[in-house]
Amino acid sequence: MRLQLRTWPDVEGYLGTSTGIIVPIGSTEQHGPSGLIGTDALCAEAIAIGAGERLGAMVGPTINIGMAVHHMAFAGSMTYRPSTLIAVIRDYVMALTAHGFRRFLFVNGHGGNIPTLQSAWYEIHAELRQSGDAAAGAVRFGVQNWWSGAQVKAYADEAFGAAEGSHATCTEISLMQFLYPDHAPVLAAPLDPAVAPHHTFHGPEHYRAVHPDGRIGSDPSLASADHGGRLFDIAVMEAMAAYEKLTTAE
């Protein structure tokens, strides 16, 4: 049930039965030589919509740009400053609380968003409390980082082992091959070395110096649409469980 594809009476009717909403959030950034730049946002969006359809839950518009300063040495990457992303999340949530939404599950596709999400929630709680808004005690937030769900991780460990990596991973590239088979030709790009190195980094230029093709620890040539289809079902089920837990909590 996508907010953009509903009328205002539809939304008003929904709020008569539920105050929960699923919010996809990701990033627009490089994913190695074989991964699509929109991977993080597109994965989060698909999982959120899948969970919303099965639950009959409202799904908000995707926040497509995240906190990805460290990827900015690679062409096509985009980023918000942390302060900008906090403001975007704040305005997004406050608009929806004004209509009666109270439970917000963020389905997240990008690790760099996590600290900013948490900071935004505290900003919102502080603002609601200070204003005396009636929503102050009822608003709740949750985040489902789809790649780190227990069942997704178990599948990744079994299917890819250490070659899963931590950026341009086998799981996310597999999911994109499943979702966008005409746009994700992972085998078309040579990967040298096959498994990318792991290094710490400091800023975008240093990131590119130590990870010259953009990958971190991964061998996405192991990805496949078949793996992606299985991962999609697992990730949707884990998002559903997170939403149900959030919306039934006191």
C-alpha atoms as a PDB file:
ATOM      1  CA  MET A   1       0.000   0.000   0.000  1.00  0.00           C
ATOM      2  CA  ARG A   2       2.148   2.865  -1.300  1.00  0.00           C
ATOM      3  CA  LEU A   3       1.329   6.339  -0.052  1.00  0.00           C
ATOM      4  CA  GLN A   4       2.020   7.892  -3.462  1.00  0.00           C
ATOM      5  CA  LEU A   5      -0.532   5.591  -5.107  1.00  0.00           C
ATOM      6  CA  ARG A   6      -3.359   6.426  -2.684  1.00  0.00           C
ATOM      7  CA  THR A   7      -5.768   9.332  -2.359  1.00  0.00           C
ATOM      8  CA  TRP A   8      -6.076  11.430   0.785  1.00  0.00           C
ATOM      9  CA  PRO A   9      -9.403   9.738   1.707  1.00  0.00           C
ATOM     10  CA  ASP A  10      -7.603   6.389   1.389  1.00  0.00           C
ATOM     11  CA  VAL A  11      -4.946   7.556   3.833  1.00  0.00           C
ATOM     12  CA  GLU A  12      -7.511   8.995   6.219  1.00  0.00           C
ATOM     13  CA  GLY A  13      -9.364   5.694   6.173  1.00  0.00           C
ATOM     14  CA  TYR A  14      -6.158   3.763   6.797  1.00  0.00           C
ATOM     15  CA  LEU A  15      -5.382   5.914   9.823  1.00  0.00           C
ATOM     16  CA  GLY A  16      -8.698   4.838  11.268  1.00  0.00           C
ATOM     17  CA  THR A  17      -7.308   1.320  11.558  1.00  0.00           C
ATOM     18  CA  SER A  18      -3.531   1.746  11.858  1.00  0.00           C
ATOM     19  CA  THR A  19      -0.961   4.430  12.679  1.00  0.00           C
ATOM     20  CA  GLY A  20       1.992   2.466  11.312  1.00  0.00           C
ATOM     21  CA  ILE A  21       4.044   3.209   8.210  1.00  0.00           C
ATOM     22  CA  ILE A  22       7.098   1.644   6.590  1.00  0.00           C
ATOM     23  CA  VAL A  23       9.734   4.067   5.306  1.00  0.00           C
ATOM     24  CA  PRO A  24      12.380   2.853   2.823  1.00  0.00           C
ATOM     25  CA  ILE A  25      15.709   4.640   3.130  1.00  0.00           C
ATOM     26  CA  GLY A  26      18.894   3.968   1.208  1.00  0.00           C
ATOM     27  CA  SER A  27      21.621   5.745  -0.699  1.00  0.00           C
ATOM     28  CA  THR A  28      22.758   6.685  -4.194  1.00  0.00           C
ATOM     29  CA  GLU A  29      26.400   5.608  -4.337  1.00  0.00           C
ATOM     30  CA  GLN A  30      28.926   3.461  -6.142  1.00  0.00           C
ATOM     31  CA  HIS A  31      28.753  -0.305  -5.655  1.00  0.00           C
ATOM     32  CA  GLY A  32      31.948  -1.408  -7.316  1.00  0.00           C
ATOM     33  CA  PRO A  33      32.422  -1.878 -11.053  1.00  0.00           C
ATOM     34  CA  SER A  34      29.505  -4.306 -11.338  1.00  0.00           C
ATOM     35  CA  GLY A  35      26.920  -2.935  -8.915  1.00  0.00           C
ATOM     36  CA  LEU A  36      24.269  -0.340  -9.714  1.00  0.00           C
ATOM     37  CA  ILE A  37      24.555   3.089  -8.103  1.00  0.00           C
ATOM     38  CA  GLY A  38      20.962   2.919  -6.856  1.00  0.00           C
ATOM     39  CA  THR A  39      21.429  -0.439  -5.103  1.00  0.00           C
ATOM     40  CA  ASP A  40      20.910   0.667  -1.500  1.00  0.00           C
ATOM     41  CA  ALA A  41      17.745   2.648  -2.144  1.00  0.00           C
ATOM     42  CA  LEU A  42      16.267   0.179  -4.630  1.00  0.00           C
ATOM     43  CA  CYS A  43      16.809  -2.820  -2.339  1.00  0.00           C
ATOM     44  CA  ALA A  44      15.243  -1.043   0.636  1.00  0.00           C
ATOM     45  CA  GLU A  45      12.312   0.129  -1.469  1.00  0.00           C
ATOM     46  CA  ALA A  46      11.539  -3.324  -2.860  1.00  0.00           C
ATOM     47  CA  ILE A  47      11.700  -4.982   0.552  1.00  0.00           C
ATOM     48  CA  ALA A  48       9.550  -2.270   2.143  1.00  0.00           C
ATOM     49  CA  ILE A  49       6.925  -2.551  -0.600  1.00  0.00           C
ATOM     50  CA  GLY A  50       6.989  -6.343  -0.373  1.00  0.00           C
ATOM     51  CA  ALA A  51       6.413  -6.219   3.382  1.00  0.00           C
ATOM     52  CA  GLY A  52       3.723  -3.552   3.037  1.00  0.00           C
ATOM     53  CA  GLU A  53       1.814  -5.553   0.440  1.00  0.00           C
ATOM     54  CA  ARG A  54       1.790  -8.679   2.583  1.00  0.00           C
ATOM     55  CA  LEU A  55       0.849  -6.805   5.758  1.00  0.00           C
ATOM     56  CA  GLY A  56      -1.590  -4.303   4.293  1.00  0.00           C
ATOM     57  CA  ALA A  57       0.671  -1.601   5.750  1.00  0.00           C
ATOM     58  CA  MET A  58       1.275   1.862   4.344  1.00  0.00           C
ATOM     59  CA  VAL A  59       4.674   2.400   2.689  1.00  0.00           C
ATOM     60  CA  GLY A  60       6.026   5.936   2.419  1.00  0.00           C
ATOM     61  CA  PRO A  61       8.137   7.468  -0.355  1.00  0.00           C
ATOM     62  CA  THR A  62      11.735   6.264  -0.484  1.00  0.00           C
ATOM     63  CA  ILE A  63      14.498   8.480   0.865  1.00  0.00           C
ATOM     64  CA  ASN A  64      16.890   7.788  -2.004  1.00  0.00           C
ATOM     65  CA  ILE A  65      19.929   9.811  -0.946  1.00  0.00           C
ATOM     66  CA  GLY A  66      21.726   8.983   2.275  1.00  0.00           C
ATOM     67  CA  MET A  67      24.905   9.818   4.152  1.00  0.00           C
ATOM     68  CA  ALA A  68      27.566   8.652   1.694  1.00  0.00           C
ATOM     69  CA  VAL A  69      30.326  11.256   1.909  1.00  0.00           C
ATOM     70  CA  HIS A  70      32.945   8.482   1.888  1.00  0.00           C
ATOM     71  CA  HIS A  71      31.862   7.356  -1.610  1.00  0.00           C
ATOM     72  CA  MET A  72      32.187  10.763  -3.269  1.00  0.00           C
ATOM     73  CA  ALA A  73      35.464   9.984  -5.083  1.00  0.00           C
ATOM     74  CA  PHE A  74      33.463   7.667  -7.389  1.00  0.00           C
ATOM     75  CA  ALA A  75      31.457   9.187 -10.246  1.00  0.00           C
ATOM     76  CA  GLY A  76      27.694   9.263  -9.811  1.00  0.00           C
ATOM     77  CA  SER A  77      27.691   8.966  -6.036  1.00  0.00           C
ATOM     78  CA  MET A  78      25.541  11.462  -4.166  1.00  0.00           C
ATOM     79  CA  THR A  79      25.297  12.364  -0.508  1.00  0.00           C
ATOM     80  CA  TYR A  80      23.536  14.428   2.094  1.00  0.00           C
ATOM     81  CA  ARG A  81      25.517  15.894   4.942  1.00  0.00           C
ATOM     82  CA  PRO A  82      24.520  14.207   8.212  1.00  0.00           C
ATOM     83  CA  SER A  83      22.821  17.442   9.296  1.00  0.00           C
ATOM     84  CA  THR A  84      20.883  17.597   6.014  1.00  0.00           C
ATOM     85  CA  LEU A  85      19.706  13.997   6.302  1.00  0.00           C
ATOM     86  CA  ILE A  86      18.612  14.619   9.893  1.00  0.00           C
ATOM     87  CA  ALA A  87      16.552  17.564   8.617  1.00  0.00           C
ATOM     88  CA  VAL A  88      15.043  15.486   5.788  1.00  0.00           C
ATOM     89  CA  ILE A  89      14.032  12.684   8.179  1.00  0.00           C
ATOM     90  CA  ARG A  90      12.703  15.220  10.686  1.00  0.00           C
ATOM     91  CA  ASP A  91      10.500  16.963   8.120  1.00  0.00           C
ATOM     92  CA  TYR A  92       9.315  13.653   6.636  1.00  0.00           C
ATOM     93  CA  VAL A  93       8.285  12.267  10.025  1.00  0.00           C
ATOM     94  CA  MET A  94       6.792  15.487  11.389  1.00  0.00           C
ATOM     95  CA  ALA A  95       4.580  15.851   8.311  1.00  0.00           C
ATOM     96  CA  LEU A  96       3.213  12.356   8.837  1.00  0.00           C
ATOM     97  CA  THR A  97       2.775  12.713  12.609  1.00  0.00           C
ATOM     98  CA  ALA A  98       0.622  15.774  11.881  1.00  0.00           C
ATOM     99  CA  HIS A  99      -1.826  13.435  10.134  1.00  0.00           C
ATOM    100  CA  GLY A 100      -1.779  10.794  12.870  1.00  0.00           C
ATOM    101  CA  PHE A 101       1.019   8.368  12.010  1.00  0.00           C
ATOM    102  CA  ARG A 102       2.802   7.182  15.134  1.00  0.00           C
ATOM    103  CA  ARG A 103       4.872   4.066  14.369  1.00  0.00           C
ATOM    104  CA  PHE A 104       7.685   4.397  11.816  1.00  0.00           C
ATOM    105  CA  LEU A 105       9.679   1.388  10.649  1.00  0.00           C
ATOM    106  CA  PHE A 106      12.622   2.453   8.502  1.00  0.00           C
ATOM    107  CA  VAL A 107      13.743  -0.323   6.141  1.00  0.00           C
ATOM    108  CA  ASN A 108      17.344   0.704   5.601  1.00  0.00           C
ATOM    109  CA  GLY A 109      19.696  -0.261   2.793  1.00  0.00           C
ATOM    110  CA  HIS A 110      22.837   1.656   3.765  1.00  0.00           C
ATOM    111  CA  GLY A 111      25.045   1.298   6.831  1.00  0.00           C
ATOM    112  CA  GLY A 112      26.127   4.939   6.667  1.00  0.00           C
ATOM    113  CA  ASN A 113      22.565   6.004   7.496  1.00  0.00           C
ATOM    114  CA  ILE A 114      22.394   4.302  10.879  1.00  0.00           C
ATOM    115  CA  PRO A 115      23.984   6.974  13.132  1.00  0.00           C
ATOM    116  CA  THR A 116      22.071   9.731  11.322  1.00  0.00           C
ATOM    117  CA  LEU A 117      18.749   7.914  11.677  1.00  0.00           C
ATOM    118  CA  GLN A 118      19.281   7.506  15.405  1.00  0.00           C
ATOM    119  CA  SER A 119      20.247  11.165  15.786  1.00  0.00           C
ATOM    120  CA  ALA A 120      17.163  12.253  13.816  1.00  0.00           C
ATOM    121  CA  TRP A 121      14.872  10.231  16.054  1.00  0.00           C
ATOM    122  CA  TYR A 122      16.274  11.863  19.183  1.00  0.00           C
ATOM    123  CA  GLU A 123      15.853  15.279  17.577  1.00  0.00           C
ATOM    124  CA  ILE A 124      12.209  14.460  16.801  1.00  0.00           C
ATOM    125  CA  HIS A 125      11.501  13.117  20.287  1.00  0.00           C
ATOM    126  CA  ALA A 126      13.042  16.231  21.831  1.00  0.00           C
ATOM    127  CA  GLU A 127      11.045  18.550  19.577  1.00  0.00           C
ATOM    128  CA  LEU A 128       7.741  16.777  20.215  1.00  0.00           C
ATOM    129  CA  ARG A 129       8.321  16.756  23.957  1.00  0.00           C
ATOM    130  CA  GLN A 130       9.311  20.413  24.077  1.00  0.00           C
ATOM    131  CA  SER A 131       6.303  21.465  22.011  1.00  0.00           C
ATOM    132  CA  GLY A 132       3.875  19.560  24.198  1.00  0.00           C
ATOM    133  CA  ASP A 133       2.543  17.775  21.110  1.00  0.00           C
ATOM    134  CA  ALA A 134       0.037  15.051  21.961  1.00  0.00           C
ATOM    135  CA  ALA A 135       2.069  12.656  19.781  1.00  0.00           C
ATOM    136  CA  ALA A 136       5.135  12.978  22.006  1.00  0.00           C
ATOM    137  CA  GLY A 137       4.496   9.881  24.068  1.00  0.00           C
ATOM    138  CA  ALA A 138       3.134   7.742  21.256  1.00  0.00           C
ATOM    139  CA  VAL A 139       5.681   8.065  18.447  1.00  0.00           C
ATOM    140  CA  ARG A 140       7.958   5.055  18.077  1.00  0.00           C
ATOM    141  CA  PHE A 141      10.768   4.318  15.646  1.00  0.00           C
ATOM    142  CA  GLY A 142      12.403   1.138  14.456  1.00  0.00           C
ATOM    143  CA  VAL A 143      14.994   0.270  11.847  1.00  0.00           C
ATOM    144  CA  GLN A 144      15.368  -2.924   9.871  1.00  0.00           C
ATOM    145  CA  ASN A 145      18.794  -3.005   8.227  1.00  0.00           C
ATOM    146  CA  TRP A 146      17.768  -5.637   5.729  1.00  0.00           C
ATOM    147  CA  TRP A 147      21.262  -7.049   5.165  1.00  0.00           C
ATOM    148  CA  SER A 148      21.869  -7.721   8.861  1.00  0.00           C
ATOM    149  CA  GLY A 149      18.729  -9.654   9.730  1.00  0.00           C
ATOM    150  CA  ALA A 150      19.571 -12.956  11.407  1.00  0.00           C
ATOM    151  CA  GLN A 151      18.148 -15.097   8.605  1.00  0.00           C
ATOM    152  CA  VAL A 152      19.658 -12.984   5.829  1.00  0.00           C
ATOM    153  CA  LYS A 153      23.059 -13.221   7.517  1.00  0.00           C
ATOM    154  CA  ALA A 154      22.706 -16.976   7.932  1.00  0.00           C
ATOM    155  CA  TYR A 155      21.922 -17.328   4.233  1.00  0.00           C
ATOM    156  CA  ALA A 156      24.874 -15.126   3.288  1.00  0.00           C
ATOM    157  CA  ASP A 157      27.245 -17.114   5.484  1.00  0.00           C
ATOM    158  CA  GLU A 158      26.145 -20.368   3.892  1.00  0.00           C
ATOM    159  CA  ALA A 159      26.059 -19.146   0.289  1.00  0.00           C
ATOM    160  CA  PHE A 160      29.046 -16.774   0.169  1.00  0.00           C
ATOM    161  CA  GLY A 161      31.152 -17.183   3.305  1.00  0.00           C
ATOM    162  CA  ALA A 162      33.889 -14.605   3.733  1.00  0.00           C
ATOM    163  CA  ALA A 163      33.436 -13.414   0.131  1.00  0.00           C
ATOM    164  CA  GLU A 164      30.193 -11.664   1.144  1.00  0.00           C
ATOM    165  CA  GLY A 165      32.248  -8.617   2.168  1.00  0.00           C
ATOM    166  CA  SER A 166      30.858  -5.377   3.539  1.00  0.00           C
ATOM    167  CA  HIS A 167      30.311  -3.202   0.453  1.00  0.00           C
ATOM    168  CA  ALA A 168      29.158  -4.206  -3.024  1.00  0.00           C
ATOM    169  CA  THR A 169      28.280  -7.435  -1.276  1.00  0.00           C
ATOM    170  CA  CYS A 170      27.095 -10.679  -2.795  1.00  0.00           C
ATOM    171  CA  THR A 171      23.706 -10.354  -1.091  1.00  0.00           C
ATOM    172  CA  GLU A 172      22.879  -6.874  -2.354  1.00  0.00           C
ATOM    173  CA  ILE A 173      24.177  -7.572  -5.871  1.00  0.00           C
ATOM    174  CA  SER A 174      22.131 -10.791  -5.918  1.00  0.00           C
ATOM    175  CA  LEU A 175      19.028  -8.909  -4.836  1.00  0.00           C
ATOM    176  CA  MET A 176      19.545  -6.365  -7.608  1.00  0.00           C
ATOM    177  CA  GLN A 177      19.985  -9.127 -10.182  1.00  0.00           C
ATOM    178  CA  PHE A 178      16.646 -10.543  -9.038  1.00  0.00           C
ATOM    179  CA  LEU A 179      14.865  -7.189  -9.006  1.00  0.00           C
ATOM    180  CA  TYR A 180      16.457  -5.640 -12.112  1.00  0.00           C
ATOM    181  CA  PRO A 181      17.731  -8.495 -14.296  1.00  0.00           C
ATOM    182  CA  ASP A 182      18.113  -6.272 -17.366  1.00  0.00           C
ATOM    183  CA  HIS A 183      20.275  -3.734 -15.534  1.00  0.00           C
ATOM    184  CA  ALA A 184      22.628  -5.726 -13.316  1.00  0.00           C
ATOM    185  CA  PRO A 185      25.150  -7.642 -15.487  1.00  0.00           C
ATOM    186  CA  VAL A 186      27.533  -8.440 -12.644  1.00  0.00           C
ATOM    187  CA  LEU A 187      29.721 -10.766 -14.726  1.00  0.00           C
ATOM    188  CA  ALA A 188      30.401  -8.070 -17.335  1.00  0.00           C
ATOM    189  CA  ALA A 189      32.968  -6.270 -15.149  1.00  0.00           C
ATOM    190  CA  PRO A 190      36.368  -7.823 -14.400  1.00  0.00           C
ATOM    191  CA  LEU A 191      37.142  -8.064 -10.693  1.00  0.00           C
ATOM    192  CA  ASP A 192      40.800  -7.888  -9.723  1.00  0.00           C
ATOM    193  CA  PRO A 193      41.412  -9.277  -7.184  1.00  0.00           C
ATOM    194  CA  ALA A 194      38.384 -11.559  -7.107  1.00  0.00           C
ATOM    195  CA  VAL A 195      37.868 -10.872  -3.391  1.00  0.00           C
ATOM    196  CA  ALA A 196      38.400  -7.216  -2.603  1.00  0.00           C
ATOM    197  CA  PRO A 197      40.606  -6.206   0.343  1.00  0.00           C
ATOM    198  CA  HIS A 198      39.433  -4.869   3.696  1.00  0.00           C
ATOM    199  CA  HIS A 199      41.003  -1.584   4.806  1.00  0.00           C
ATOM    200  CA  THR A 200      40.031   1.211   7.124  1.00  0.00           C
ATOM    201  CA  PHE A 201      39.661   4.553   5.385  1.00  0.00           C
ATOM    202  CA  HIS A 202      39.526   8.262   6.122  1.00  0.00           C
ATOM    203  CA  GLY A 203      37.452  10.334   3.744  1.00  0.00           C
ATOM    204  CA  PRO A 204      36.518   9.742   0.089  1.00  0.00           C
ATOM    205  CA  GLU A 205      39.945  10.109  -1.522  1.00  0.00           C
ATOM    206  CA  HIS A 206      41.554   7.723   0.926  1.00  0.00           C
ATOM    207  CA  TYR A 207      38.652   5.304   0.451  1.00  0.00           C
ATOM    208  CA  ARG A 208      39.339   5.169  -3.286  1.00  0.00           C
ATOM    209  CA  ALA A 209      43.094   4.833  -2.728  1.00  0.00           C
ATOM    210  CA  VAL A 210      42.686   1.704  -0.578  1.00  0.00           C
ATOM    211  CA  HIS A 211      39.601   0.321  -2.386  1.00  0.00           C
ATOM    212  CA  PRO A 212      40.276   1.386  -5.981  1.00  0.00           C
ATOM    213  CA  ASP A 213      37.273  -0.350  -7.570  1.00  0.00           C
ATOM    214  CA  GLY A 214      34.903   0.537  -4.719  1.00  0.00           C
ATOM    215  CA  ARG A 215      34.362  -2.920  -3.240  1.00  0.00           C
ATOM    216  CA  ILE A 216      35.183  -3.863   0.351  1.00  0.00           C
ATOM    217  CA  GLY A 217      35.910  -7.523   1.025  1.00  0.00           C
ATOM    218  CA  SER A 218      33.465  -8.894  -1.529  1.00  0.00           C
ATOM    219  CA  ASP A 219      33.422 -11.103  -4.605  1.00  0.00           C
ATOM    220  CA  PRO A 220      30.116 -10.178  -6.262  1.00  0.00           C
ATOM    221  CA  SER A 221      30.788 -12.577  -9.145  1.00  0.00           C
ATOM    222  CA  LEU A 222      29.211 -15.137  -6.787  1.00  0.00           C
ATOM    223  CA  ALA A 223      25.913 -13.259  -6.912  1.00  0.00           C
ATOM    224  CA  SER A 224      22.923 -14.591  -8.825  1.00  0.00           C
ATOM    225  CA  ALA A 225      19.263 -13.806  -9.380  1.00  0.00           C
ATOM    226  CA  ASP A 226      18.377 -17.136  -7.768  1.00  0.00           C
ATOM    227  CA  HIS A 227      20.152 -16.128  -4.579  1.00  0.00           C
ATOM    228  CA  GLY A 228      18.466 -12.746  -4.865  1.00  0.00           C
ATOM    229  CA  GLY A 229      14.981 -14.225  -5.012  1.00  0.00           C
ATOM    230  CA  ARG A 230      15.578 -16.265  -1.883  1.00  0.00           C
ATOM    231  CA  LEU A 231      17.111 -13.297  -0.092  1.00  0.00           C
ATOM    232  CA  PHE A 232      14.168 -11.107  -1.061  1.00  0.00           C
ATOM    233  CA  ASP A 233      11.673 -13.479   0.538  1.00  0.00           C
ATOM    234  CA  ILE A 234      13.775 -13.761   3.699  1.00  0.00           C
ATOM    235  CA  ALA A 235      14.314 -10.006   3.967  1.00  0.00           C
ATOM    236  CA  VAL A 236      10.611  -9.284   3.460  1.00  0.00           C
ATOM    237  CA  MET A 237       9.656 -11.743   6.194  1.00  0.00           C
ATOM    238  CA  GLU A 238      12.166 -10.185   8.592  1.00  0.00           C
ATOM    239  CA  ALA A 239      10.855  -6.692   7.806  1.00  0.00           C
ATOM    240  CA  MET A 240       7.307  -7.891   8.430  1.00  0.00           C
ATOM    241  CA  ALA A 241       8.286  -9.265  11.820  1.00  0.00           C
ATOM    242  CA  ALA A 242      10.021  -5.990  12.739  1.00  0.00           C
ATOM    243  CA  TYR A 243       6.954  -3.972  11.726  1.00  0.00           C
ATOM    244  CA  GLU A 244       4.564  -6.168  13.685  1.00  0.00           C
ATOM    245  CA  LYS A 245       6.775  -5.933  16.760  1.00  0.00           C
ATOM    246  CA  LEU A 246       6.947  -2.143  16.487  1.00  0.00           C
ATOM    247  CA  THR A 247       3.247  -1.608  15.896  1.00  0.00           C
ATOM    248  CA  THR A 248       2.127  -3.875  18.736  1.00  0.00           C
ATOM    249  CA  ALA A 249       4.567  -2.556  21.347  1.00  0.00           C
ATOM    250  CA  GLU A 250       3.159  -0.366  24.114  1.00  0.00           C
END
